[in-house]
Amino acid sequence: MTGSKKITEGALLTAVYIALLWMTVFIPVISIFTFFALAIPFIIYTAKHNWQPALMMLIVAIMLSLIFATLFSLPMTLLMAFGGIMIGKAIYDQRSAYETWARGTVGFIFGLLIVFIIIQFVLQIDIFAEMDQVITESMNIMQSMMNQLGLNDEIEGQMKLIEEKMHFFKDLITASMAVISI
């Protein structure tokens, strides 16, 4: 395939990606479906042309997503691009379905890791501190409701157990990243 056809196909698939991203970000009703389709343009392009041209497509998709969508679409673009490129590369190499799935999982884990780093260090949002704050606020609201109902003395031990369980969910973030990627 000539270089101009490769560029044209990359531009077309990048436009499809931007349209899907725009629908995901701005149309809540169909975002449930379009979110899962975001990696498909990267998969198709990488499966045909290998990963090097797909990286150029990623760079263009990042720039266009910042122009046509919001700043918060950047992590979504990175996540879907890394997963899509890894799946497309496995298809390009004609790997088995299980190896394709495994490579896609690694790509999505890497993408989630990049998103986590962007949220943590670039946007300066401490996810764990935010979770602690939400848990504390929830427990305070439940405690005040129990005080109003006069049940505070009877369920004090259960409230502590509930708080421990809520803090346990914070520890499951890394495991949930792997499950989400699969």
Protein backbone atom coordinates (compact mmCIF):
# COMPACT_ATOMS: atom_id res chain seq x y z
CA MET A 1 0.00 0.00 0.00
CA THR A 2 1.36 3.38 -0.90
CA GLY A 3 2.13 6.00 1.69
CA SER A 4 -0.70 8.30 0.62
CA LYS A 5 -3.30 5.54 1.01
CA LYS A 6 -1.89 4.73 4.45
CA ILE A 7 -2.13 8.39 5.47
CA THR A 8 -5.65 8.68 4.05
CA GLU A 9 -6.80 5.59 5.90
CA GLY A 10 -5.19 6.87 9.11
CA ALA A 11 -6.93 10.22 8.72
CA LEU A 12 -10.27 8.52 8.08
CA LEU A 13 -9.95 6.23 11.11
CA THR A 14 -8.81 9.15 13.26
CA ALA A 15 -11.93 11.05 12.18
CA VAL A 16 -14.04 8.02 13.11
CA TYR A 17 -12.31 7.93 16.49
CA ILE A 18 -12.95 11.65 17.08
CA ALA A 19 -16.62 11.21 16.15
CA LEU A 20 -16.94 8.29 18.58
CA LEU A 21 -15.11 10.29 21.27
CA TRP A 22 -17.35 13.28 20.72
CA MET A 23 -20.45 11.08 21.06
CA THR A 24 -19.02 9.45 24.18
CA VAL A 25 -18.24 12.77 25.85
CA PHE A 26 -21.27 14.83 24.84
CA ILE A 27 -24.18 12.38 24.33
CA PRO A 28 -24.77 10.54 27.60
CA VAL A 29 -27.42 8.12 26.32
CA ILE A 30 -25.22 6.43 23.73
CA SER A 31 -21.92 6.89 25.57
CA ILE A 32 -22.40 3.47 27.15
CA PHE A 33 -22.08 1.88 23.70
CA THR A 34 -19.60 4.24 22.06
CA PHE A 35 -17.13 3.94 24.94
CA PHE A 36 -16.53 0.29 24.08
CA ALA A 37 -16.09 1.13 20.38
CA LEU A 38 -13.38 3.76 20.93
CA ALA A 39 -10.49 1.32 20.53
CA ILE A 40 -11.77 -0.11 17.23
CA PRO A 41 -10.21 2.51 14.89
CA PHE A 42 -6.81 1.92 16.52
CA ILE A 43 -7.27 -1.86 16.27
CA ILE A 44 -8.17 -1.70 12.57
CA TYR A 45 -5.33 0.66 11.64
CA THR A 46 -2.67 -1.22 13.63
CA ALA A 47 -3.86 -4.58 12.29
CA LYS A 48 -3.29 -3.31 8.73
CA HIS A 49 -0.17 -1.16 9.11
CA ASN A 50 1.70 -2.25 12.29
CA TRP A 51 2.32 -0.14 15.37
CA GLN A 52 4.65 2.61 14.04
CA PRO A 53 2.02 4.35 11.87
CA ALA A 54 -0.50 3.78 14.65
CA LEU A 55 1.65 5.88 16.99
CA MET A 56 1.37 8.76 14.52
CA MET A 57 -2.39 8.21 14.50
CA LEU A 58 -2.29 8.36 18.31
CA ILE A 59 -0.46 11.70 18.27
CA VAL A 60 -2.96 13.17 15.81
CA ALA A 61 -5.88 11.73 17.83
CA ILE A 62 -4.51 13.33 21.01
CA MET A 63 -4.25 16.74 19.36
CA LEU A 64 -7.70 16.49 17.80
CA SER A 65 -9.30 15.21 21.00
CA LEU A 66 -7.94 18.23 22.87
CA ILE A 67 -9.35 20.52 20.18
CA PHE A 68 -12.77 18.93 19.62
CA ALA A 69 -13.48 17.40 23.02
CA THR A 70 -12.44 18.34 26.54
CA LEU A 71 -9.17 18.10 28.43
CA PHE A 72 -10.65 15.15 30.30
CA SER A 73 -10.89 13.21 27.03
CA LEU A 74 -7.08 12.92 26.91
CA PRO A 75 -6.92 10.04 29.41
CA MET A 76 -9.69 8.24 27.53
CA THR A 77 -7.76 8.66 24.26
CA LEU A 78 -4.58 7.28 25.80
CA LEU A 79 -6.39 4.35 27.38
CA MET A 80 -8.20 3.31 24.21
CA ALA A 81 -5.19 3.90 21.96
CA PHE A 82 -2.80 1.76 24.00
CA GLY A 83 -5.30 -1.08 24.25
CA GLY A 84 -6.26 -0.82 20.57
CA ILE A 85 -2.67 -0.68 19.37
CA MET A 86 -1.72 -3.74 21.41
CA ILE A 87 -4.70 -5.73 20.09
CA GLY A 88 -4.04 -4.54 16.54
CA LYS A 89 -0.36 -5.48 16.80
CA ALA A 90 -1.30 -8.99 17.90
CA ILE A 91 -3.68 -9.28 14.95
CA TYR A 92 -0.97 -7.93 12.62
CA ASP A 93 1.42 -10.59 13.92
CA GLN A 94 -1.34 -13.23 13.47
CA ARG A 95 -1.24 -14.31 17.11
CA SER A 96 -3.79 -16.63 18.67
CA ALA A 97 -6.98 -15.28 20.17
CA TYR A 98 -5.69 -15.84 23.70
CA GLU A 99 -2.44 -14.01 23.03
CA THR A 100 -4.37 -11.18 21.38
CA TRP A 101 -6.57 -10.96 24.47
CA ALA A 102 -3.53 -11.01 26.75
CA ARG A 103 -1.78 -8.28 24.75
CA GLY A 104 -4.94 -6.19 24.78
CA THR A 105 -5.18 -6.62 28.53
CA VAL A 106 -1.57 -5.46 28.95
CA GLY A 107 -2.28 -2.49 26.70
CA PHE A 108 -5.35 -1.48 28.68
CA ILE A 109 -3.48 -1.91 31.99
CA PHE A 110 -0.69 0.31 30.65
CA GLY A 111 -3.31 2.84 29.50
CA LEU A 112 -5.01 2.80 32.91
CA LEU A 113 -1.63 3.28 34.55
CA ILE A 114 -0.93 6.31 32.34
CA VAL A 115 -4.40 7.69 33.15
CA PHE A 116 -3.76 7.16 36.86
CA ILE A 117 -0.41 8.97 36.63
CA ILE A 118 -1.99 11.86 34.72
CA ILE A 119 -4.75 12.21 37.30
CA GLN A 120 -2.36 11.91 40.22
CA PHE A 121 0.52 14.10 39.09
CA VAL A 122 -0.61 16.33 36.23
CA LEU A 123 -4.10 17.18 37.46
CA GLN A 124 -2.91 17.06 41.10
CA ILE A 125 -5.86 14.95 42.25
CA ASP A 126 -5.00 12.47 44.98
CA ILE A 127 -7.47 9.68 44.33
CA PHE A 128 -6.82 7.95 47.64
CA ALA A 129 -7.29 11.16 49.65
CA GLU A 130 -10.51 11.87 47.75
CA MET A 131 -11.78 8.37 48.54
CA ASP A 132 -10.92 8.83 52.22
CA GLN A 133 -12.83 12.11 52.22
CA VAL A 134 -15.90 10.53 50.59
CA ILE A 135 -15.82 7.63 53.05
CA THR A 136 -15.54 9.98 56.03
CA GLU A 137 -18.39 12.16 54.76
CA SER A 138 -20.58 9.11 54.15
CA MET A 139 -19.89 7.74 57.60
CA ASN A 140 -20.69 11.13 59.18
CA ILE A 141 -24.00 11.29 57.32
CA MET A 142 -24.90 7.75 58.38
CA GLN A 143 -23.88 8.53 61.98
CA SER A 144 -26.07 11.66 62.09
CA MET A 145 -29.02 9.71 60.64
CA MET A 146 -28.59 7.03 63.30
CA ASN A 147 -28.42 9.70 66.01
CA GLN A 148 -31.67 11.23 64.74
CA LEU A 149 -33.36 7.82 64.80
CA GLY A 150 -31.96 7.05 68.25
CA LEU A 151 -30.10 3.96 67.09
CA ASN A 152 -26.57 5.19 67.68
CA ASP A 153 -25.76 3.05 70.74
CA GLU A 154 -27.13 -0.16 69.23
CA ILE A 155 -25.12 -0.20 65.99
CA GLU A 156 -21.83 1.43 66.95
CA GLY A 157 -19.87 -1.79 66.30
CA GLN A 158 -21.58 -2.28 62.96
CA MET A 159 -20.68 1.27 61.91
CA LYS A 160 -17.00 0.57 62.56
CA LEU A 161 -17.25 -2.62 60.54
CA ILE A 162 -18.88 -0.75 57.66
CA GLU A 163 -16.12 1.88 57.74
CA GLU A 164 -13.43 -0.81 57.61
CA LYS A 165 -15.13 -2.43 54.62
CA MET A 166 -15.37 0.91 52.84
CA HIS A 167 -11.65 1.53 53.35
CA PHE A 168 -10.99 -1.98 52.02
CA PHE A 169 -12.41 -0.95 48.64
CA LYS A 170 -9.63 1.60 48.35
CA ASP A 171 -7.12 -1.24 48.47
CA LEU A 172 -8.86 -2.99 45.59
CA ILE A 173 -8.06 -0.27 43.04
CA THR A 174 -5.08 -2.10 41.56
CA ALA A 175 -6.95 -5.38 41.31
CA SER A 176 -9.90 -3.64 39.72
CA MET A 177 -7.56 -2.10 37.12
CA ALA A 178 -6.58 -5.59 36.00
CA VAL A 179 -10.18 -6.84 35.95
CA ILE A 180 -11.38 -3.80 34.00
CA SER A 181 -8.58 -4.30 31.48
CA ILE A 182 -9.52 -7.92 30.91
